[in-house]
Amino acid sequence: MQLQSTITCPQCGGKSTETMPTNACQYFYDCRHCGAVLKPLAGDCCVFCSYGTVPCPPIQLAEETGETPCCASP
């Protein structure tokens, strides 16, 4: 499982590599470059799934096991 993901801000294009939490989805992210507050896109569970190079750990685990992730949208 990968725990590092590079988030690209849709407003300024700035990139930051972050360590993803393993026990929760991250719903908000403050861009280190322009200060924009990023929120997940519709249908995504967290900012890493929307703007990151690697999906969050619950989604990675679900892809490996075929189970429904704990953060899946109803």
N, C-alpha and C. Protein backbone atom coordinates (compact mmCIF):
# COMPACT_ATOMS: atom_id res chain seq x y z
N MET A 1 0.85 -1.18 0.00
CA MET A 1 0.00 0.00 0.00
C MET A 1 0.90 1.24 0.00
N GLN A 2 0.56 2.18 -0.84
CA GLN A 2 1.30 3.43 -0.91
C GLN A 2 0.67 4.46 0.03
N LEU A 3 1.51 5.15 0.79
CA LEU A 3 1.00 6.15 1.72
C LEU A 3 1.36 7.57 1.31
N GLN A 4 2.14 7.73 0.26
CA GLN A 4 2.51 9.05 -0.25
C GLN A 4 1.72 9.33 -1.52
N SER A 5 1.20 10.53 -1.63
CA SER A 5 0.47 10.95 -2.83
C SER A 5 0.81 12.41 -3.08
N THR A 6 0.96 12.76 -4.35
CA THR A 6 1.24 14.15 -4.71
C THR A 6 -0.06 14.81 -5.15
N ILE A 7 -0.47 15.81 -4.39
CA ILE A 7 -1.70 16.56 -4.69
C ILE A 7 -1.35 17.72 -5.62
N THR A 8 -2.15 17.87 -6.67
CA THR A 8 -2.00 19.00 -7.58
C THR A 8 -3.20 19.91 -7.41
N CYS A 9 -2.95 21.15 -7.04
CA CYS A 9 -4.03 22.12 -6.83
C CYS A 9 -4.65 22.50 -8.17
N PRO A 10 -5.97 22.39 -8.29
CA PRO A 10 -6.63 22.75 -9.55
C PRO A 10 -6.66 24.26 -9.80
N GLN A 11 -6.41 25.05 -8.77
CA GLN A 11 -6.46 26.51 -8.93
C GLN A 11 -5.12 27.10 -9.37
N CYS A 12 -4.01 26.63 -8.78
CA CYS A 12 -2.72 27.23 -9.10
C CYS A 12 -1.75 26.26 -9.76
N GLY A 13 -2.08 24.97 -9.74
CA GLY A 13 -1.19 23.97 -10.34
C GLY A 13 -0.04 23.55 -9.44
N GLY A 14 0.01 24.09 -8.22
CA GLY A 14 1.06 23.73 -7.28
C GLY A 14 0.96 22.27 -6.88
N LYS A 15 2.11 21.63 -6.67
CA LYS A 15 2.15 20.22 -6.30
C LYS A 15 2.83 20.05 -4.95
N SER A 16 2.25 19.19 -4.11
CA SER A 16 2.82 18.88 -2.81
C SER A 16 2.66 17.40 -2.54
N THR A 17 3.74 16.75 -2.11
CA THR A 17 3.67 15.34 -1.75
C THR A 17 3.33 15.25 -0.27
N GLU A 18 2.30 14.47 0.02
CA GLU A 18 1.78 14.36 1.39
C GLU A 18 1.67 12.89 1.80
N THR A 19 1.71 12.65 3.09
CA THR A 19 1.45 11.32 3.64
C THR A 19 -0.04 11.23 3.95
N MET A 20 -0.68 10.21 3.41
CA MET A 20 -2.13 10.06 3.60
C MET A 20 -2.42 9.39 4.94
N PRO A 21 -3.50 9.80 5.60
CA PRO A 21 -3.90 9.10 6.82
C PRO A 21 -4.40 7.70 6.47
N THR A 22 -4.13 6.74 7.34
CA THR A 22 -4.57 5.36 7.08
C THR A 22 -5.89 5.04 7.76
N ASN A 23 -6.32 5.89 8.69
CA ASN A 23 -7.51 5.57 9.48
C ASN A 23 -8.71 6.47 9.17
N ALA A 24 -8.58 7.35 8.17
CA ALA A 24 -9.69 8.26 7.85
C ALA A 24 -9.46 8.87 6.48
N CYS A 25 -10.54 9.35 5.89
CA CYS A 25 -10.43 10.08 4.62
C CYS A 25 -10.20 11.56 4.95
N GLN A 26 -9.45 12.23 4.11
CA GLN A 26 -9.18 13.65 4.32
C GLN A 26 -10.09 14.45 3.39
N TYR A 27 -11.04 15.15 3.97
CA TYR A 27 -12.06 15.87 3.21
C TYR A 27 -11.61 17.26 2.77
N PHE A 28 -10.67 17.86 3.49
CA PHE A 28 -10.20 19.20 3.16
C PHE A 28 -8.68 19.21 3.09
N TYR A 29 -8.16 20.07 2.23
CA TYR A 29 -6.71 20.22 2.11
C TYR A 29 -6.42 21.67 1.77
N ASP A 30 -5.53 22.29 2.53
CA ASP A 30 -5.12 23.67 2.27
C ASP A 30 -3.90 23.64 1.36
N CYS A 31 -4.03 24.21 0.16
CA CYS A 31 -2.92 24.27 -0.78
C CYS A 31 -1.77 25.05 -0.16
N ARG A 32 -0.58 24.48 -0.19
CA ARG A 32 0.60 25.14 0.38
C ARG A 32 1.10 26.29 -0.50
N HIS A 33 0.61 26.35 -1.73
CA HIS A 33 1.10 27.35 -2.66
C HIS A 33 0.20 28.59 -2.73
N CYS A 34 -1.12 28.38 -2.83
CA CYS A 34 -2.03 29.53 -2.98
C CYS A 34 -3.03 29.66 -1.84
N GLY A 35 -3.08 28.68 -0.94
CA GLY A 35 -3.99 28.76 0.20
C GLY A 35 -5.41 28.31 -0.08
N ALA A 36 -5.70 27.85 -1.30
CA ALA A 36 -7.05 27.39 -1.62
C ALA A 36 -7.39 26.17 -0.76
N VAL A 37 -8.64 26.09 -0.35
CA VAL A 37 -9.11 24.93 0.41
C VAL A 37 -9.74 23.97 -0.60
N LEU A 38 -9.11 22.81 -0.75
CA LEU A 38 -9.62 21.81 -1.69
C LEU A 38 -10.59 20.88 -0.98
N LYS A 39 -11.64 20.51 -1.71
CA LYS A 39 -12.63 19.56 -1.23
C LYS A 39 -12.76 18.47 -2.29
N PRO A 40 -13.17 17.27 -1.91
CA PRO A 40 -13.30 16.19 -2.91
C PRO A 40 -14.31 16.55 -4.00
N LEU A 41 -14.04 16.06 -5.20
CA LEU A 41 -15.00 16.21 -6.30
C LEU A 41 -16.18 15.28 -6.05
N ALA A 42 -17.31 15.56 -6.67
CA ALA A 42 -18.50 14.72 -6.52
C ALA A 42 -18.16 13.28 -6.87
N GLY A 43 -18.53 12.37 -6.00
CA GLY A 43 -18.29 10.95 -6.22
C GLY A 43 -16.99 10.44 -5.63
N ASP A 44 -16.10 11.34 -5.19
CA ASP A 44 -14.85 10.93 -4.55
C ASP A 44 -14.99 11.05 -3.04
N CYS A 45 -14.23 10.21 -2.33
CA CYS A 45 -14.34 10.20 -0.87
C CYS A 45 -13.40 11.18 -0.19
N CYS A 46 -12.33 11.59 -0.89
CA CYS A 46 -11.37 12.47 -0.23
C CYS A 46 -10.57 13.26 -1.26
N VAL A 47 -9.76 14.20 -0.77
CA VAL A 47 -8.97 15.04 -1.67
C VAL A 47 -7.89 14.25 -2.41
N PHE A 48 -7.40 13.17 -1.81
CA PHE A 48 -6.39 12.36 -2.48
C PHE A 48 -6.98 11.63 -3.68
N CYS A 49 -8.21 11.18 -3.58
CA CYS A 49 -8.87 10.52 -4.70
C CYS A 49 -9.19 11.52 -5.82
N SER A 50 -9.41 12.77 -5.46
CA SER A 50 -9.74 13.79 -6.46
C SER A 50 -8.51 14.43 -7.09
N TYR A 51 -7.50 14.73 -6.30
CA TYR A 51 -6.39 15.54 -6.79
C TYR A 51 -5.01 14.89 -6.65
N GLY A 52 -4.96 13.70 -6.07
CA GLY A 52 -3.68 13.04 -5.81
C GLY A 52 -3.26 12.07 -6.90
N THR A 53 -2.00 11.70 -6.85
CA THR A 53 -1.45 10.72 -7.80
C THR A 53 -1.76 9.30 -7.38
N VAL A 54 -2.13 9.11 -6.11
CA VAL A 54 -2.44 7.80 -5.56
C VAL A 54 -3.74 7.93 -4.78
N PRO A 55 -4.70 7.01 -4.96
CA PRO A 55 -5.94 7.08 -4.17
C PRO A 55 -5.67 6.77 -2.69
N CYS A 56 -6.59 7.15 -1.84
CA CYS A 56 -6.44 6.96 -0.40
C CYS A 56 -6.33 5.48 -0.02
N PRO A 57 -5.75 5.18 1.17
CA PRO A 57 -5.58 3.80 1.60
C PRO A 57 -6.86 2.95 1.59
N PRO A 58 -8.03 3.46 2.04
CA PRO A 58 -9.22 2.60 1.97
C PRO A 58 -9.57 2.19 0.54
N ILE A 59 -9.39 3.06 -0.42
CA ILE A 59 -9.68 2.73 -1.81
C ILE A 59 -8.63 1.75 -2.34
N GLN A 60 -7.36 1.95 -2.00
CA GLN A 60 -6.32 1.01 -2.40
C GLN A 60 -6.61 -0.39 -1.88
N LEU A 61 -7.00 -0.47 -0.61
CA LEU A 61 -7.30 -1.76 0.01
C LEU A 61 -8.49 -2.43 -0.68
N ALA A 62 -9.51 -1.64 -0.98
CA ALA A 62 -10.69 -2.19 -1.66
C ALA A 62 -10.32 -2.71 -3.04
N GLU A 63 -9.41 -2.02 -3.75
CA GLU A 63 -8.99 -2.49 -5.07
C GLU A 63 -8.24 -3.82 -4.96
N GLU A 64 -7.48 -3.99 -3.87
CA GLU A 64 -6.72 -5.23 -3.66
C GLU A 64 -7.62 -6.39 -3.27
N THR A 65 -8.62 -6.13 -2.43
CA THR A 65 -9.44 -7.20 -1.87
C THR A 65 -10.76 -7.40 -2.60
N GLY A 66 -11.19 -6.39 -3.36
CA GLY A 66 -12.48 -6.48 -4.03
C GLY A 66 -13.65 -6.14 -3.14
N GLU A 67 -13.38 -5.71 -1.92
CA GLU A 67 -14.44 -5.34 -0.98
C GLU A 67 -14.84 -3.88 -1.19
N THR A 68 -16.00 -3.52 -0.69
CA THR A 68 -16.47 -2.14 -0.75
C THR A 68 -15.70 -1.34 0.30
N PRO A 69 -15.10 -0.21 -0.10
CA PRO A 69 -14.37 0.58 0.88
C PRO A 69 -15.27 1.20 1.92
N CYS A 70 -14.71 1.44 3.11
CA CYS A 70 -15.49 2.03 4.19
C CYS A 70 -15.92 3.45 3.87
N CYS A 71 -15.24 4.07 2.92
CA CYS A 71 -15.55 5.46 2.59
C CYS A 71 -16.35 5.59 1.29
N ALA A 72 -16.89 4.48 0.82
CA ALA A 72 -17.64 4.51 -0.44
C ALA A 72 -18.90 5.35 -0.30
N SER A 73 -19.20 6.09 -1.35
CA SER A 73 -20.44 6.88 -1.36
C SER A 73 -21.62 5.95 -1.48
N PRO A 74 -22.70 6.22 -0.75
CA PRO A 74 -23.89 5.32 -0.81
C PRO A 74 -24.56 5.39 -2.16
